[in-house]
Amino acid sequence: MPIYEMTSENIRKIPETSFEIAGVRERNDLQRLLRSQIEIVSPDTLIIAEEFGDWEDSKRRIDLLGLDTDANLVVFELKRTEDGGHMELQAIRYAAMVSVMTFDQVVGVYDDYLKRVGSDADARTKLLQFLDWEEPDEDRFAQDVRMVLVSAEFSKELTTAVMWLNERALDIRCVRIKPYEDNGRVLIDVQQVIPLPEAAAYQVQIREKEQKGRQDRAERYGLRRKFWVGLLQRARAITQLHSSISPSESSWIATSSGIRGINLNYVTLQHEGRVELYIDRGETETNKRIYDSLFLKKTAIEELFGNALFWERLDGKQACRISYTVPPGGYRDDELILQR
């Protein structure tokens, strides 16, 4: 998008240029200027390191490393090229490397940076003031790493990759900083192109929802595995049918009854458990015939089992099922109740 100058006489287009033609160097000019005015490309951010590479077995260095007011680390990757190169891949690599940093480690890094730029300020005090914290909070510190890519332009391949990664809960922003030449002056047009500013808040909400969903799934899977560990321990003391079954994170586990196509399943929901005989030999007629023969002995089977069963012929489907529900008996129920 071109830039124009409006005068009383006309509207004059200001010609585009490139950083190379304008004599703007990547590190000594663009990086040096942005480190002291990073709000141009990333508001509410404090630069804590430049050319950061404090890790073993790596010669790679982060152009600028920052911290935002939400206590997230921010990796800045800068290019003066017209397509951005492979900067998204570099940024992801750097983000992974710094993701394990603690507050005290950041204090040390920031202290080194302050000395390099000639400041005698106390790094710990400045960080706490920036975050508006009275004391460090490791539970809130660096829970995420944001990435900001700054370039004169971005290739279609790069922007496609960034949008795909953002849909999978990463936080990568592309800021286009395009130079123009006007009678010896270098003007720059700064635009965040991904995500579009008007869509950024919505994408944050989507990302937070997805993150909560992942946390909920992780908790649910952990509870299910713990439930199956306890249940299988009790079951193995009664029968050898479960000797080869391992605990899982799924909502059901199965073992063979010893008869082909007839399985014994355990199913657990949040506050309900179910045991079932599942009939499926791969042929609908065969399955229904087995079910019907068992149903003729329904009274005797239920007397032997000790409770009424739920009989499902499942007409219109291939398999059949006979089950018994145990409330409470789910993976979120109290362990003392489940042990009864």
C-alpha atoms as a PDB file:
ATOM      1  CA  MET A   1       0.000   0.000   0.000  1.00  0.00           C
ATOM      2  CA  PRO A   2       1.721   3.236  -1.117  1.00  0.00           C
ATOM      3  CA  ILE A   3       2.103   6.333   1.061  1.00  0.00           C
ATOM      4  CA  TYR A   4       1.022   9.754  -0.231  1.00  0.00           C
ATOM      5  CA  GLU A   5       1.717  13.317   0.822  1.00  0.00           C
ATOM      6  CA  MET A   6      -1.304  15.600   0.715  1.00  0.00           C
ATOM      7  CA  THR A   7      -0.661  19.268  -0.031  1.00  0.00           C
ATOM      8  CA  SER A   8      -2.949  22.139  -0.935  1.00  0.00           C
ATOM      9  CA  GLU A   9      -2.058  21.539  -4.586  1.00  0.00           C
ATOM     10  CA  ASN A  10      -2.151  17.756  -4.994  1.00  0.00           C
ATOM     11  CA  ILE A  11      -1.640  14.304  -3.531  1.00  0.00           C
ATOM     12  CA  ARG A  12       1.906  13.126  -4.158  1.00  0.00           C
ATOM     13  CA  LYS A  13       2.929   9.486  -4.063  1.00  0.00           C
ATOM     14  CA  ILE A  14       6.094   8.853  -2.045  1.00  0.00           C
ATOM     15  CA  PRO A  15       8.238   6.238  -3.786  1.00  0.00           C
ATOM     16  CA  GLU A  16       9.056   2.945  -2.128  1.00  0.00           C
ATOM     17  CA  THR A  17      12.631   1.913  -1.536  1.00  0.00           C
ATOM     18  CA  SER A  18      14.452  -0.909   0.207  1.00  0.00           C
ATOM     19  CA  PHE A  19      16.541  -0.884   3.347  1.00  0.00           C
ATOM     20  CA  GLU A  20      19.538  -1.949   1.275  1.00  0.00           C
ATOM     21  CA  ILE A  21      19.182   0.938  -1.163  1.00  0.00           C
ATOM     22  CA  ALA A  22      18.567   3.325   1.721  1.00  0.00           C
ATOM     23  CA  GLY A  23      21.770   2.097   3.362  1.00  0.00           C
ATOM     24  CA  VAL A  24      19.937   0.811   6.437  1.00  0.00           C
ATOM     25  CA  ARG A  25      21.796  -2.125   7.976  1.00  0.00           C
ATOM     26  CA  GLU A  26      19.981  -4.912   9.758  1.00  0.00           C
ATOM     27  CA  ARG A  27      21.890  -5.059  13.034  1.00  0.00           C
ATOM     28  CA  ASN A  28      23.657  -1.718  13.335  1.00  0.00           C
ATOM     29  CA  ASP A  29      20.657   0.371  12.278  1.00  0.00           C
ATOM     30  CA  LEU A  30      17.265  -1.379  12.351  1.00  0.00           C
ATOM     31  CA  GLN A  31      17.969  -3.529  15.412  1.00  0.00           C
ATOM     32  CA  ARG A  32      19.779  -0.726  17.262  1.00  0.00           C
ATOM     33  CA  LEU A  33      16.928   1.723  16.768  1.00  0.00           C
ATOM     34  CA  LEU A  34      14.132  -0.703  17.585  1.00  0.00           C
ATOM     35  CA  ARG A  35      15.720  -1.900  20.838  1.00  0.00           C
ATOM     36  CA  SER A  36      15.166   1.575  22.335  1.00  0.00           C
ATOM     37  CA  GLN A  37      11.727   2.077  20.744  1.00  0.00           C
ATOM     38  CA  ILE A  38      10.319  -1.445  20.646  1.00  0.00           C
ATOM     39  CA  GLU A  39       6.804  -0.092  21.225  1.00  0.00           C
ATOM     40  CA  ILE A  40       6.796   0.736  17.499  1.00  0.00           C
ATOM     41  CA  VAL A  41       6.371  -2.961  16.700  1.00  0.00           C
ATOM     42  CA  SER A  42       5.303  -4.382  20.104  1.00  0.00           C
ATOM     43  CA  PRO A  43       3.564  -2.191  22.692  1.00  0.00           C
ATOM     44  CA  ASP A  44       3.884  -2.956  26.423  1.00  0.00           C
ATOM     45  CA  THR A  45       7.196  -4.738  25.973  1.00  0.00           C
ATOM     46  CA  LEU A  46      10.568  -4.327  27.696  1.00  0.00           C
ATOM     47  CA  ILE A  47      13.764  -5.358  25.902  1.00  0.00           C
ATOM     48  CA  ILE A  48      15.892  -7.490  28.235  1.00  0.00           C
ATOM     49  CA  ALA A  49      18.624  -8.734  25.866  1.00  0.00           C
ATOM     50  CA  GLU A  50      20.197  -8.154  22.464  1.00  0.00           C
ATOM     51  CA  GLU A  51      21.988 -10.822  20.421  1.00  0.00           C
ATOM     52  CA  PHE A  52      21.035 -13.319  23.117  1.00  0.00           C
ATOM     53  CA  GLY A  53      22.525 -16.795  22.816  1.00  0.00           C
ATOM     54  CA  ASP A  54      23.121 -18.042  26.346  1.00  0.00           C
ATOM     55  CA  TRP A  55      22.773 -21.764  25.705  1.00  0.00           C
ATOM     56  CA  GLU A  56      25.119 -24.653  25.131  1.00  0.00           C
ATOM     57  CA  ASP A  57      26.103 -26.055  21.731  1.00  0.00           C
ATOM     58  CA  SER A  58      24.526 -23.230  19.751  1.00  0.00           C
ATOM     59  CA  LYS A  59      25.982 -20.257  17.907  1.00  0.00           C
ATOM     60  CA  ARG A  60      22.553 -18.879  17.048  1.00  0.00           C
ATOM     61  CA  ARG A  61      21.484 -15.613  18.644  1.00  0.00           C
ATOM     62  CA  ILE A  62      18.129 -13.931  19.171  1.00  0.00           C
ATOM     63  CA  ASP A  63      18.098 -10.440  17.656  1.00  0.00           C
ATOM     64  CA  LEU A  64      16.109  -8.988  20.557  1.00  0.00           C
ATOM     65  CA  LEU A  65      14.571 -10.687  23.579  1.00  0.00           C
ATOM     66  CA  GLY A  66      11.773  -8.970  25.455  1.00  0.00           C
ATOM     67  CA  LEU A  67       9.262  -9.366  28.252  1.00  0.00           C
ATOM     68  CA  ASP A  68       5.660  -8.164  28.013  1.00  0.00           C
ATOM     69  CA  THR A  69       3.391  -6.907  30.794  1.00  0.00           C
ATOM     70  CA  ASP A  70       1.728 -10.334  31.014  1.00  0.00           C
ATOM     71  CA  ALA A  71       5.125 -11.765  32.039  1.00  0.00           C
ATOM     72  CA  ASN A  72       5.555 -13.619  28.743  1.00  0.00           C
ATOM     73  CA  LEU A  73       8.911 -13.706  27.005  1.00  0.00           C
ATOM     74  CA  VAL A  74       8.950 -12.161  23.515  1.00  0.00           C
ATOM     75  CA  VAL A  75      11.351 -13.283  20.780  1.00  0.00           C
ATOM     76  CA  PHE A  76      12.031 -10.678  18.073  1.00  0.00           C
ATOM     77  CA  GLU A  77      13.406 -11.783  14.725  1.00  0.00           C
ATOM     78  CA  LEU A  78      14.367  -8.932  12.377  1.00  0.00           C
ATOM     79  CA  LYS A  79      15.042  -9.011   8.627  1.00  0.00           C
ATOM     80  CA  ARG A  80      15.527  -6.209   6.132  1.00  0.00           C
ATOM     81  CA  THR A  81      14.777  -8.545   3.211  1.00  0.00           C
ATOM     82  CA  GLU A  82      11.735  -8.425   0.960  1.00  0.00           C
ATOM     83  CA  ASP A  83      10.379 -11.885   1.846  1.00  0.00           C
ATOM     84  CA  GLY A  84      11.341 -12.588   5.478  1.00  0.00           C
ATOM     85  CA  GLY A  85      13.395 -15.653   4.581  1.00  0.00           C
ATOM     86  CA  HIS A  86      12.858 -18.492   7.066  1.00  0.00           C
ATOM     87  CA  MET A  87      12.516 -16.262  10.100  1.00  0.00           C
ATOM     88  CA  GLU A  88       9.454 -18.087  11.463  1.00  0.00           C
ATOM     89  CA  LEU A  89      11.492 -21.285  11.802  1.00  0.00           C
ATOM     90  CA  GLN A  90      14.293 -19.437  13.576  1.00  0.00           C
ATOM     91  CA  ALA A  91      11.842 -17.753  15.941  1.00  0.00           C
ATOM     92  CA  ILE A  92      10.219 -21.075  16.894  1.00  0.00           C
ATOM     93  CA  ARG A  93      13.632 -22.585  17.612  1.00  0.00           C
ATOM     94  CA  TYR A  94      14.570 -19.606  19.789  1.00  0.00           C
ATOM     95  CA  ALA A  95      11.214 -19.632  21.583  1.00  0.00           C
ATOM     96  CA  ALA A  96      11.729 -23.276  22.543  1.00  0.00           C
ATOM     97  CA  MET A  97      15.206 -22.481  23.861  1.00  0.00           C
ATOM     98  CA  VAL A  98      14.092 -19.629  26.161  1.00  0.00           C
ATOM     99  CA  SER A  99      10.796 -21.203  27.250  1.00  0.00           C
ATOM    100  CA  VAL A 100      12.404 -22.776  30.347  1.00  0.00           C
ATOM    101  CA  MET A 101      13.872 -19.524  31.688  1.00  0.00           C
ATOM    102  CA  THR A 102      13.036 -18.589  35.278  1.00  0.00           C
ATOM    103  CA  PHE A 103      12.618 -15.138  36.762  1.00  0.00           C
ATOM    104  CA  ASP A 104      16.068 -15.243  38.358  1.00  0.00           C
ATOM    105  CA  GLN A 105      17.664 -16.249  35.053  1.00  0.00           C
ATOM    106  CA  VAL A 106      15.954 -13.328  33.317  1.00  0.00           C
ATOM    107  CA  VAL A 107      17.241 -11.003  36.044  1.00  0.00           C
ATOM    108  CA  GLY A 108      20.791 -12.122  35.222  1.00  0.00           C
ATOM    109  CA  VAL A 109      20.259 -11.690  31.477  1.00  0.00           C
ATOM    110  CA  TYR A 110      18.700  -8.253  31.912  1.00  0.00           C
ATOM    111  CA  ASP A 111      21.486  -7.183  34.275  1.00  0.00           C
ATOM    112  CA  ASP A 112      24.065  -8.015  31.572  1.00  0.00           C
ATOM    113  CA  TYR A 113      22.051  -6.069  29.002  1.00  0.00           C
ATOM    114  CA  LEU A 114      21.734  -2.987  31.223  1.00  0.00           C
ATOM    115  CA  LYS A 115      25.503  -2.945  31.727  1.00  0.00           C
ATOM    116  CA  ARG A 116      26.077  -3.247  27.961  1.00  0.00           C
ATOM    117  CA  VAL A 117      23.901  -0.192  27.248  1.00  0.00           C
ATOM    118  CA  GLY A 118      25.566   1.807  30.030  1.00  0.00           C
ATOM    119  CA  SER A 119      22.803   1.712  32.646  1.00  0.00           C
ATOM    120  CA  ASP A 120      23.481   1.188  36.345  1.00  0.00           C
ATOM    121  CA  ALA A 121      19.820   0.439  37.171  1.00  0.00           C
ATOM    122  CA  ASP A 122      18.992  -2.605  39.281  1.00  0.00           C
ATOM    123  CA  ALA A 123      17.646  -5.318  36.936  1.00  0.00           C
ATOM    124  CA  ARG A 124      15.462  -7.064  39.515  1.00  0.00           C
ATOM    125  CA  THR A 125      13.839  -3.816  40.644  1.00  0.00           C
ATOM    126  CA  LYS A 126      13.151  -2.671  37.059  1.00  0.00           C
ATOM    127  CA  LEU A 127      11.601  -6.008  36.115  1.00  0.00           C
ATOM    128  CA  LEU A 128       9.292  -6.019  39.150  1.00  0.00           C
ATOM    129  CA  GLN A 129       8.268  -2.435  38.442  1.00  0.00           C
ATOM    130  CA  PHE A 130       7.573  -3.238  34.785  1.00  0.00           C
ATOM    131  CA  LEU A 131       5.425  -6.243  35.744  1.00  0.00           C
ATOM    132  CA  ASP A 132       3.790  -4.306  38.609  1.00  0.00           C
ATOM    133  CA  TRP A 133       4.749  -7.099  41.017  1.00  0.00           C
ATOM    134  CA  GLU A 134       5.874  -6.757  44.603  1.00  0.00           C
ATOM    135  CA  GLU A 135       7.807 -10.020  44.414  1.00  0.00           C
ATOM    136  CA  PRO A 136       8.535 -12.685  41.768  1.00  0.00           C
ATOM    137  CA  ASP A 137       5.722 -15.091  40.881  1.00  0.00           C
ATOM    138  CA  GLU A 138       7.150 -18.141  39.111  1.00  0.00           C
ATOM    139  CA  ASP A 139       3.671 -19.615  38.596  1.00  0.00           C
ATOM    140  CA  ARG A 140       2.810 -16.657  36.362  1.00  0.00           C
ATOM    141  CA  PHE A 141       6.223 -15.958  34.889  1.00  0.00           C
ATOM    142  CA  ALA A 142       7.058 -16.988  31.314  1.00  0.00           C
ATOM    143  CA  GLN A 143       4.055 -19.256  30.924  1.00  0.00           C
ATOM    144  CA  ASP A 144       4.154 -18.522  27.213  1.00  0.00           C
ATOM    145  CA  VAL A 145       6.619 -17.228  24.626  1.00  0.00           C
ATOM    146  CA  ARG A 146       5.415 -14.802  21.992  1.00  0.00           C
ATOM    147  CA  MET A 147       7.206 -14.299  18.676  1.00  0.00           C
ATOM    148  CA  VAL A 148       7.325 -11.055  16.674  1.00  0.00           C
ATOM    149  CA  LEU A 149       8.682 -11.168  13.129  1.00  0.00           C
ATOM    150  CA  VAL A 150       9.716  -7.811  11.677  1.00  0.00           C
ATOM    151  CA  SER A 151      10.515  -7.511   7.974  1.00  0.00           C
ATOM    152  CA  ALA A 152      10.077  -5.217   5.005  1.00  0.00           C
ATOM    153  CA  GLU A 153       7.804  -7.856   3.457  1.00  0.00           C
ATOM    154  CA  PHE A 154       6.708 -11.470   3.992  1.00  0.00           C
ATOM    155  CA  SER A 155       6.429 -14.262   1.455  1.00  0.00           C
ATOM    156  CA  LYS A 156       3.181 -16.153   0.964  1.00  0.00           C
ATOM    157  CA  GLU A 157       4.861 -19.323   2.244  1.00  0.00           C
ATOM    158  CA  LEU A 158       5.849 -17.575   5.471  1.00  0.00           C
ATOM    159  CA  THR A 159       2.469 -15.982   6.125  1.00  0.00           C
ATOM    160  CA  THR A 160       0.680 -19.271   5.399  1.00  0.00           C
ATOM    161  CA  ALA A 161       2.933 -21.073   7.877  1.00  0.00           C
ATOM    162  CA  VAL A 162       2.414 -18.411  10.549  1.00  0.00           C
ATOM    163  CA  MET A 163      -1.383 -18.459  10.222  1.00  0.00           C
ATOM    164  CA  TRP A 164      -1.376 -22.281  10.446  1.00  0.00           C
ATOM    165  CA  LEU A 165       0.836 -22.199  13.553  1.00  0.00           C
ATOM    166  CA  ASN A 166      -1.325 -19.530  15.198  1.00  0.00           C
ATOM    167  CA  GLU A 167      -4.374 -21.709  14.683  1.00  0.00           C
ATOM    168  CA  ARG A 168      -2.541 -24.297  16.798  1.00  0.00           C
ATOM    169  CA  ALA A 169      -2.176 -21.966  19.786  1.00  0.00           C
ATOM    170  CA  LEU A 170       1.197 -20.354  19.028  1.00  0.00           C
ATOM    171  CA  ASP A 171       1.460 -16.570  19.227  1.00  0.00           C
ATOM    172  CA  ILE A 172       3.411 -15.290  16.204  1.00  0.00           C
ATOM    173  CA  ARG A 173       2.960 -11.774  14.887  1.00  0.00           C
ATOM    174  CA  CYS A 174       4.199 -10.407  11.584  1.00  0.00           C
ATOM    175  CA  VAL A 175       4.946  -6.687  11.536  1.00  0.00           C
ATOM    176  CA  ARG A 176       5.756  -5.178   8.155  1.00  0.00           C
ATOM    177  CA  ILE A 177       8.106  -2.216   8.346  1.00  0.00           C
ATOM    178  CA  LYS A 178       8.345  -0.833   4.819  1.00  0.00           C
ATOM    179  CA  PRO A 179      10.762   1.966   3.850  1.00  0.00           C
ATOM    180  CA  TYR A 180      10.019   4.934   1.583  1.00  0.00           C
ATOM    181  CA  GLU A 181      12.407   7.595   0.257  1.00  0.00           C
ATOM    182  CA  ASP A 182      11.464  11.244   0.216  1.00  0.00           C
ATOM    183  CA  ASN A 183      14.116  13.753  -0.798  1.00  0.00           C
ATOM    184  CA  GLY A 184      16.865  12.095   1.173  1.00  0.00           C
ATOM    185  CA  ARG A 185      14.652  11.168   4.116  1.00  0.00           C
ATOM    186  CA  VAL A 186      13.792   7.546   4.943  1.00  0.00           C
ATOM    187  CA  LEU A 187      10.170   7.128   6.010  1.00  0.00           C
ATOM    188  CA  ILE A 188       8.787   3.830   7.280  1.00  0.00           C
ATOM    189  CA  ASP A 189       5.268   2.463   7.270  1.00  0.00           C
ATOM    190  CA  VAL A 190       4.685   0.068  10.185  1.00  0.00           C
ATOM    191  CA  GLN A 191       1.748  -2.346   9.923  1.00  0.00           C
ATOM    192  CA  GLN A 192       0.913  -5.505  11.839  1.00  0.00           C
ATOM    193  CA  VAL A 193      -0.259  -7.832   9.096  1.00  0.00           C
ATOM    194  CA  ILE A 194      -0.715 -11.069  11.113  1.00  0.00           C
ATOM    195  CA  PRO A 195      -2.930 -11.174  12.986  1.00  0.00           C
ATOM    196  CA  LEU A 196      -4.827  -8.144  11.787  1.00  0.00           C
ATOM    197  CA  PRO A 197      -5.205  -5.786  14.764  1.00  0.00           C
ATOM    198  CA  GLU A 198      -9.002  -5.937  14.651  1.00  0.00           C
ATOM    199  CA  ALA A 199      -8.855  -9.746  14.824  1.00  0.00           C
ATOM    200  CA  ALA A 200      -6.125 -10.020  17.458  1.00  0.00           C
ATOM    201  CA  ALA A 201      -8.439  -9.883  20.493  1.00  0.00           C
ATOM    202  CA  TYR A 202     -10.695 -12.565  19.030  1.00  0.00           C
ATOM    203  CA  GLN A 203      -7.729 -14.814  18.294  1.00  0.00           C
ATOM    204  CA  VAL A 204      -6.497 -14.406  21.875  1.00  0.00           C
ATOM    205  CA  GLN A 205      -9.898 -15.590  23.110  1.00  0.00           C
ATOM    206  CA  ILE A 206      -9.772 -18.585  20.771  1.00  0.00           C
ATOM    207  CA  ARG A 207      -6.230 -19.423  21.897  1.00  0.00           C
ATOM    208  CA  GLU A 208      -7.189 -19.172  25.586  1.00  0.00           C
ATOM    209  CA  LYS A 209     -10.189 -21.420  24.979  1.00  0.00           C
ATOM    210  CA  GLU A 210      -8.013 -23.994  23.208  1.00  0.00           C
ATOM    211  CA  GLN A 211      -5.427 -23.836  25.986  1.00  0.00           C
ATOM    212  CA  LYS A 212      -8.087 -24.432  28.621  1.00  0.00           C
ATOM    213  CA  GLY A 213      -9.393 -27.318  26.527  1.00  0.00           C
ATOM    214  CA  ARG A 214      -5.928 -28.890  26.454  1.00  0.00           C
ATOM    215  CA  GLN A 215      -5.597 -28.477  30.218  1.00  0.00           C
ATOM    216  CA  ASP A 216      -9.030 -30.021  30.783  1.00  0.00           C
ATOM    217  CA  ARG A 217      -8.178 -32.944  28.514  1.00  0.00           C
ATOM    218  CA  ALA A 218      -4.874 -33.505  30.287  1.00  0.00           C
ATOM    219  CA  GLU A 219      -6.623 -33.545  33.658  1.00  0.00           C
ATOM    220  CA  ARG A 220      -9.353 -35.863  32.353  1.00  0.00           C
ATOM    221  CA  TYR A 221      -6.832 -38.267  30.831  1.00  0.00           C
ATOM    222  CA  GLY A 222      -4.840 -38.331  34.076  1.00  0.00           C
ATOM    223  CA  LEU A 223      -7.924 -39.088  36.157  1.00  0.00           C
ATOM    224  CA  ARG A 224      -8.993 -41.860  33.793  1.00  0.00           C
ATOM    225  CA  ARG A 225      -5.582 -43.531  33.922  1.00  0.00           C
ATOM    226  CA  LYS A 226      -5.592 -43.386  37.732  1.00  0.00           C
ATOM    227  CA  PHE A 227      -9.127 -44.838  37.747  1.00  0.00           C
ATOM    228  CA  TRP A 228      -8.123 -47.748  35.491  1.00  0.00           C
ATOM    229  CA  VAL A 229      -5.026 -48.495  37.594  1.00  0.00           C
ATOM    230  CA  GLY A 230      -7.174 -48.945  40.706  1.00  0.00           C
ATOM    231  CA  LEU A 231      -9.941 -50.861  38.967  1.00  0.00           C
ATOM    232  CA  LEU A 232      -7.602 -53.299  37.198  1.00  0.00           C
ATOM    233  CA  GLN A 233      -5.760 -54.027  40.440  1.00  0.00           C
ATOM    234  CA  ARG A 234      -9.046 -55.127  42.025  1.00  0.00           C
ATOM    235  CA  ALA A 235     -10.185 -57.004  38.931  1.00  0.00           C
ATOM    236  CA  ARG A 236      -6.973 -59.031  38.680  1.00  0.00           C
ATOM    237  CA  ALA A 237      -7.486 -60.283  42.210  1.00  0.00           C
ATOM    238  CA  ILE A 238     -10.777 -61.853  41.074  1.00  0.00           C
ATOM    239  CA  THR A 239     -10.119 -63.089  37.512  1.00  0.00           C
ATOM    240  CA  GLN A 240      -7.254 -63.559  35.067  1.00  0.00           C
ATOM    241  CA  LEU A 241      -9.280 -62.038  32.223  1.00  0.00           C
ATOM    242  CA  HIS A 242      -7.643 -58.661  32.848  1.00  0.00           C
ATOM    243  CA  SER A 243      -4.060 -59.843  33.319  1.00  0.00           C
ATOM    244  CA  SER A 244      -2.922 -58.508  29.919  1.00  0.00           C
ATOM    245  CA  ILE A 245      -4.785 -55.169  30.026  1.00  0.00           C
ATOM    246  CA  SER A 246      -2.838 -51.959  30.687  1.00  0.00           C
ATOM    247  CA  PRO A 247      -4.335 -48.741  32.086  1.00  0.00           C
ATOM    248  CA  SER A 248      -5.151 -46.145  29.424  1.00  0.00           C
ATOM    249  CA  GLU A 249      -6.427 -42.586  29.096  1.00  0.00           C
ATOM    250  CA  SER A 250      -9.550 -43.547  27.143  1.00  0.00           C
ATOM    251  CA  SER A 251     -13.072 -43.848  28.500  1.00  0.00           C
ATOM    252  CA  TRP A 252     -13.227 -47.616  28.027  1.00  0.00           C
ATOM    253  CA  ILE A 253     -11.101 -50.750  28.163  1.00  0.00           C
ATOM    254  CA  ALA A 254     -11.956 -54.214  26.880  1.00  0.00           C
ATOM    255  CA  THR A 255     -10.965 -57.840  27.264  1.00  0.00           C
ATOM    256  CA  SER A 256     -12.094 -60.993  25.490  1.00  0.00           C
ATOM    257  CA  SER A 257     -14.563 -63.277  27.218  1.00  0.00           C
ATOM    258  CA  GLY A 258     -12.764 -66.231  25.674  1.00  0.00           C
ATOM    259  CA  ILE A 259     -15.454 -66.589  23.004  1.00  0.00           C
ATOM    260  CA  ARG A 260     -14.777 -65.024  19.621  1.00  0.00           C
ATOM    261  CA  GLY A 261     -16.619 -61.756  19.026  1.00  0.00           C
ATOM    262  CA  ILE A 262     -17.908 -61.432  22.586  1.00  0.00           C
ATOM    263  CA  ASN A 263     -15.991 -58.884  24.662  1.00  0.00           C
ATOM    264  CA  LEU A 264     -16.250 -57.663  28.222  1.00  0.00           C
ATOM    265  CA  ASN A 265     -15.938 -53.883  28.432  1.00  0.00           C
ATOM    266  CA  TYR A 266     -15.483 -51.402  31.245  1.00  0.00           C
ATOM    267  CA  VAL A 267     -16.737 -47.878  30.531  1.00  0.00           C
ATOM    268  CA  THR A 268     -16.208 -44.862  32.789  1.00  0.00           C
ATOM    269  CA  LEU A 269     -17.850 -41.437  32.551  1.00  0.00           C
ATOM    270  CA  GLN A 270     -17.423 -38.571  34.986  1.00  0.00           C
ATOM    271  CA  HIS A 271     -19.900 -39.857  37.581  1.00  0.00           C
ATOM    272  CA  GLU A 272     -21.015 -43.160  36.169  1.00  0.00           C
ATOM    273  CA  GLY A 273     -19.444 -46.505  35.399  1.00  0.00           C
ATOM    274  CA  ARG A 274     -20.682 -49.302  33.172  1.00  0.00           C
ATOM    275  CA  VAL A 275     -19.835 -52.946  32.570  1.00  0.00           C
ATOM    276  CA  GLU A 276     -21.044 -54.511  29.361  1.00  0.00           C
ATOM    277  CA  LEU A 277     -21.064 -57.611  27.232  1.00  0.00           C
ATOM    278  CA  TYR A 278     -20.456 -56.467  23.689  1.00  0.00           C
ATOM    279  CA  ILE A 279     -21.411 -58.793  20.837  1.00  0.00           C
ATOM    280  CA  ASP A 280     -19.829 -58.253  17.451  1.00  0.00           C
ATOM    281  CA  ARG A 281     -18.601 -61.092  15.229  1.00  0.00           C
ATOM    282  CA  GLY A 282     -18.660 -58.914  12.151  1.00  0.00           C
ATOM    283  CA  GLU A 283     -22.032 -60.136  10.843  1.00  0.00           C
ATOM    284  CA  THR A 284     -25.328 -58.556  11.851  1.00  0.00           C
ATOM    285  CA  GLU A 285     -27.404 -61.750  11.626  1.00  0.00           C
ATOM    286  CA  THR A 286     -24.922 -63.722  13.730  1.00  0.00           C
ATOM    287  CA  ASN A 287     -24.792 -60.994  16.372  1.00  0.00           C
ATOM    288  CA  LYS A 288     -28.592 -60.768  16.618  1.00  0.00           C
ATOM    289  CA  ARG A 289     -28.882 -64.542  16.846  1.00  0.00           C
ATOM    290  CA  ILE A 290     -26.423 -64.685  19.771  1.00  0.00           C
ATOM    291  CA  TYR A 291     -28.238 -61.807  21.492  1.00  0.00           C
ATOM    292  CA  ASP A 292     -31.672 -63.434  21.027  1.00  0.00           C
ATOM    293  CA  SER A 293     -30.446 -66.727  22.485  1.00  0.00           C
ATOM    294  CA  LEU A 294     -29.167 -64.901  25.565  1.00  0.00           C
ATOM    295  CA  PHE A 295     -32.337 -62.825  25.866  1.00  0.00           C
ATOM    296  CA  LEU A 296     -34.388 -66.048  26.096  1.00  0.00           C
ATOM    297  CA  LYS A 297     -32.436 -66.740  29.309  1.00  0.00           C
ATOM    298  CA  LYS A 298     -32.760 -63.166  30.588  1.00  0.00           C
ATOM    299  CA  THR A 299     -34.326 -64.064  33.947  1.00  0.00           C
ATOM    300  CA  ALA A 300     -31.769 -66.732  34.778  1.00  0.00           C
ATOM    301  CA  ILE A 301     -28.853 -64.506  33.694  1.00  0.00           C
ATOM    302  CA  GLU A 302     -30.044 -61.566  35.807  1.00  0.00           C
ATOM    303  CA  GLU A 303     -30.580 -63.816  38.840  1.00  0.00           C
ATOM    304  CA  LEU A 304     -27.058 -65.147  38.435  1.00  0.00           C
ATOM    305  CA  PHE A 305     -25.670 -61.617  37.969  1.00  0.00           C
ATOM    306  CA  GLY A 306     -27.636 -60.259  40.949  1.00  0.00           C
ATOM    307  CA  ASN A 307     -29.214 -57.224  39.272  1.00  0.00           C
ATOM    308  CA  ALA A 308     -31.411 -56.230  36.345  1.00  0.00           C
ATOM    309  CA  LEU A 309     -29.438 -55.646  33.166  1.00  0.00           C
ATOM    310  CA  PHE A 310     -29.961 -53.234  30.302  1.00  0.00           C
ATOM    311  CA  TRP A 311     -30.581 -55.224  27.109  1.00  0.00           C
ATOM    312  CA  GLU A 312     -29.855 -53.472  23.791  1.00  0.00           C
ATOM    313  CA  ARG A 313     -30.419 -55.425  20.586  1.00  0.00           C
ATOM    314  CA  LEU A 314     -29.462 -52.267  18.698  1.00  0.00           C
ATOM    315  CA  ASP A 315     -31.655 -52.949  15.691  1.00  0.00           C
ATOM    316  CA  GLY A 316     -30.306 -51.082  12.681  1.00  0.00           C
ATOM    317  CA  LYS A 317     -26.746 -51.544  13.890  1.00  0.00           C
ATOM    318  CA  GLN A 318     -24.358 -54.444  13.534  1.00  0.00           C
ATOM    319  CA  ALA A 319     -23.475 -55.082  17.192  1.00  0.00           C
ATOM    320  CA  CYS A 320     -25.535 -55.819  20.324  1.00  0.00           C
ATOM    321  CA  ARG A 321     -24.928 -54.920  23.958  1.00  0.00           C
ATOM    322  CA  ILE A 322     -25.958 -56.063  27.439  1.00  0.00           C
ATOM    323  CA  SER A 323     -24.862 -53.717  30.215  1.00  0.00           C
ATOM    324  CA  TYR A 324     -25.119 -52.693  33.849  1.00  0.00           C
ATOM    325  CA  THR A 325     -24.596 -49.126  35.094  1.00  0.00           C
ATOM    326  CA  VAL A 326     -22.977 -48.327  38.439  1.00  0.00           C
ATOM    327  CA  PRO A 327     -23.719 -44.873  39.876  1.00  0.00           C
ATOM    328  CA  PRO A 328     -21.531 -43.482  41.364  1.00  0.00           C
ATOM    329  CA  GLY A 329     -18.746 -45.183  39.510  1.00  0.00           C
ATOM    330  CA  GLY A 330     -17.057 -42.510  37.400  1.00  0.00           C
ATOM    331  CA  TYR A 331     -13.477 -41.296  37.273  1.00  0.00           C
ATOM    332  CA  ARG A 332     -14.367 -38.043  39.079  1.00  0.00           C
ATOM    333  CA  ASP A 333     -16.171 -39.733  41.991  1.00  0.00           C
ATOM    334  CA  ASP A 334     -14.670 -39.948  45.449  1.00  0.00           C
ATOM    335  CA  GLU A 335     -12.138 -42.773  45.769  1.00  0.00           C
ATOM    336  CA  LEU A 336     -13.619 -43.928  49.082  1.00  0.00           C
ATOM    337  CA  ILE A 337     -16.995 -44.413  47.387  1.00  0.00           C
ATOM    338  CA  LEU A 338     -15.422 -46.346  44.511  1.00  0.00           C
ATOM    339  CA  GLN A 339     -13.639 -48.716  46.910  1.00  0.00           C
ATOM    340  CA  ARG A 340     -16.907 -49.945  48.412  1.00  0.00           C
END
